[in-house]
Protein backbone atom coordinates (compact mmCIF):
# COMPACT_ATOMS: atom_id res chain seq x y z
CA UNK A 1 3.79 -103.12 -223.55
CA UNK A 2 1.35 -105.55 -222.20
CA UNK A 3 1.39 -107.72 -225.32
CA UNK A 4 2.03 -111.29 -225.07
CA UNK A 5 4.29 -111.97 -227.94
CA UNK A 6 6.02 -115.15 -228.49
CA UNK A 7 8.68 -116.21 -230.87
CA UNK A 8 6.26 -118.53 -232.54
CA UNK A 9 4.01 -115.85 -233.92
CA UNK A 10 4.69 -114.36 -237.27
CA UNK A 11 6.31 -110.92 -237.39
CA UNK A 12 3.35 -109.40 -239.26
CA UNK A 13 1.07 -110.36 -236.46
CA UNK A 14 3.45 -108.77 -233.98
CA UNK A 15 3.57 -105.62 -236.05
CA UNK A 16 -0.23 -105.47 -236.28
CA UNK A 17 -0.58 -105.88 -232.53
CA UNK A 18 2.08 -103.21 -231.94
CA UNK A 19 0.36 -100.92 -234.44
CA UNK A 20 -3.02 -101.44 -232.70
CA UNK A 21 -1.40 -100.83 -229.34
CA UNK A 22 0.26 -97.66 -230.74
CA UNK A 23 -3.06 -96.43 -232.16
CA UNK A 24 -4.80 -97.14 -228.86
CA UNK A 25 -2.10 -95.27 -226.90
CA UNK A 26 -2.13 -92.48 -229.44
CA UNK A 27 -5.93 -92.08 -229.13
CA UNK A 28 -5.74 -92.14 -225.32
CA UNK A 29 -2.97 -89.55 -225.32
CA UNK A 30 -4.76 -87.34 -227.88
CA UNK A 31 -7.93 -87.60 -225.77
CA UNK A 32 -5.95 -86.72 -222.66
CA UNK A 33 -4.35 -83.80 -224.53
CA UNK A 34 -7.76 -82.56 -225.74
CA UNK A 35 -9.19 -82.87 -222.24
CA UNK A 36 -6.18 -81.04 -220.80
CA UNK A 37 -6.50 -78.33 -223.46
CA UNK A 38 -10.23 -77.94 -222.83
CA UNK A 39 -9.53 -77.87 -219.07
CA UNK A 40 -6.80 -75.29 -219.74
CA UNK A 41 -9.21 -73.19 -221.86
CA UNK A 42 -11.90 -73.53 -219.20
CA UNK A 43 -9.44 -72.46 -216.49
CA UNK A 44 -8.22 -69.56 -218.63
CA UNK A 45 -11.83 -68.43 -219.14
CA UNK A 46 -12.50 -68.74 -215.42
CA UNK A 47 -9.30 -66.82 -214.73
CA UNK A 48 -10.35 -64.06 -217.15
CA UNK A 49 -13.80 -63.97 -215.54
CA UNK A 50 -12.23 -63.76 -212.10
CA UNK A 51 -9.89 -61.01 -213.30
CA UNK A 52 -12.90 -59.07 -214.60
CA UNK A 53 -14.67 -59.62 -211.27
CA UNK A 54 -11.55 -58.41 -209.45
CA UNK A 55 -11.38 -55.30 -211.63
CA UNK A 56 -15.10 -54.62 -211.10
CA UNK A 57 -14.67 -55.14 -207.38
CA UNK A 58 -11.68 -52.78 -207.33
CA UNK A 59 -13.74 -50.20 -209.21
CA UNK A 60 -16.60 -50.68 -206.74
CA UNK A 61 -14.14 -50.32 -203.85
CA UNK A 62 -12.81 -47.08 -205.35
CA UNK A 63 -16.36 -45.81 -205.82
CA UNK A 64 -17.21 -46.72 -202.24
CA UNK A 65 -14.04 -45.02 -200.98
CA UNK A 66 -14.99 -41.88 -202.90
CA UNK A 67 -18.54 -42.04 -201.55
CA UNK A 68 -17.21 -42.50 -198.02
CA UNK A 69 -14.85 -39.55 -198.49
CA UNK A 70 -17.64 -37.36 -199.88
CA UNK A 71 -20.02 -38.47 -197.14
CA UNK A 72 -17.40 -37.70 -194.47
CA UNK A 73 -16.86 -34.26 -195.99
CA UNK A 74 -20.63 -33.66 -195.97
CA UNK A 75 -20.87 -34.89 -192.37
CA UNK A 76 -18.04 -32.55 -191.35
CA UNK A 77 -19.69 -29.63 -193.17
CA UNK A 78 -23.07 -30.42 -191.61
CA UNK A 79 -21.47 -30.70 -188.18
CA UNK A 80 -19.74 -27.32 -188.60
CA UNK A 81 -23.01 -25.78 -189.78
CA UNK A 82 -24.84 -27.36 -186.83
CA UNK A 83 -22.29 -25.97 -184.38
CA UNK A 84 -22.56 -22.52 -185.92
CA UNK A 85 -26.38 -22.64 -185.74
CA UNK A 86 -26.19 -23.91 -182.16
CA UNK A 87 -23.84 -21.05 -181.23
CA UNK A 88 -26.16 -18.55 -182.93
CA UNK A 89 -29.16 -19.96 -181.07
CA UNK A 90 -27.30 -19.92 -177.74
CA UNK A 91 -26.25 -16.30 -178.36
CA UNK A 92 -29.85 -15.39 -179.25
CA UNK A 93 -31.10 -17.14 -176.09
CA UNK A 94 -28.59 -15.20 -173.97
CA UNK A 95 -29.56 -11.95 -175.69
CA UNK A 96 -33.25 -12.71 -175.11
CA UNK A 97 -32.60 -13.58 -171.48
CA UNK A 98 -30.78 -10.27 -170.99
CA UNK A 99 -33.54 -8.44 -172.82
CA UNK A 100 -36.19 -10.22 -170.73
CA UNK A 101 -34.34 -9.37 -167.53
CA UNK A 102 -34.10 -5.75 -168.61
CA UNK A 103 -37.79 -5.75 -169.58
CA UNK A 104 -38.73 -7.25 -166.22
CA UNK A 105 -36.60 -4.65 -164.43
CA UNK A 106 -38.22 -1.91 -166.53
CA UNK A 107 -41.66 -3.31 -165.70
CA UNK A 108 -40.82 -3.43 -162.01
CA UNK A 109 -39.52 0.15 -162.17
CA UNK A 110 -42.68 1.21 -163.99
CA UNK A 111 -44.81 -0.61 -161.42
CA UNK A 112 -42.95 1.16 -158.63
CA UNK A 113 -43.43 4.51 -160.37
CA UNK A 114 -47.15 3.76 -160.85
CA UNK A 115 -47.43 2.82 -157.18
CA UNK A 116 -45.68 6.06 -156.22
CA UNK A 117 -48.03 8.04 -158.47
CA UNK A 118 -51.02 6.20 -157.00
CA UNK A 119 -49.81 6.99 -153.51
CA UNK A 120 -49.35 10.65 -154.47
CA UNK A 121 -52.81 10.62 -156.08
CA UNK A 122 -54.33 9.16 -152.93
CA UNK A 123 -52.51 11.73 -150.85
CA UNK A 124 -53.72 14.53 -153.10
CA UNK A 125 -57.26 13.09 -153.08
CA UNK A 126 -57.19 12.99 -149.26
CA UNK A 127 -55.92 16.49 -149.17
CA UNK A 128 -58.67 17.54 -151.60
CA UNK A 129 -61.23 15.69 -149.53
CA UNK A 130 -59.97 17.32 -146.36
CA UNK A 131 -59.99 20.69 -148.08
CA UNK A 132 -63.51 20.00 -149.35
CA UNK A 133 -64.51 18.95 -145.90
CA UNK A 134 -63.10 22.11 -144.42
CA UNK A 135 -64.84 24.13 -147.16
CA UNK A 136 -68.13 22.45 -146.36
CA UNK A 137 -67.67 23.16 -142.75
CA UNK A 138 -66.91 26.75 -143.58
CA UNK A 139 -69.89 26.83 -145.88
CA UNK A 140 -72.08 25.38 -143.18
CA UNK A 141 -70.80 27.95 -140.75
CA UNK A 142 -71.44 30.67 -143.26
CA UNK A 143 -74.98 29.42 -143.76
CA UNK A 144 -75.44 29.37 -140.09
CA UNK A 145 -74.04 32.84 -139.75
CA UNK A 146 -76.20 34.05 -142.59
CA UNK A 147 -79.23 32.43 -141.21
CA UNK A 148 -78.63 33.93 -137.83
């Protein structure tokens, strides 16, 4: 026990030293027990705190998973809508191109018809001019005949 006892010391003295040694050991052990209990309580509190953090983190993970799922659904819906709009626009472009081609063909046909009518008009005007010319000549001849 770390006591130096000899046979020459009285028994009371030995008992007092043993009692003091017992009290000292008892205090050390009680202190160690209190420290261990406080450490245990501290660790339990940390464990509870960590468990709460884990639960919060799990909840956050679930929320994020739901947000990701909802976002993916929205992205898919937006992509489908975009494709539909793109198809509509492409169809409208094709329709407009066909319409424009038809309009250009109609304009060319109209231009050709106008050119034909202009040619006929010129022909008729020439004929009228020639007829007028022949009438003037006849008129001049008539004037000459009358004057003679």
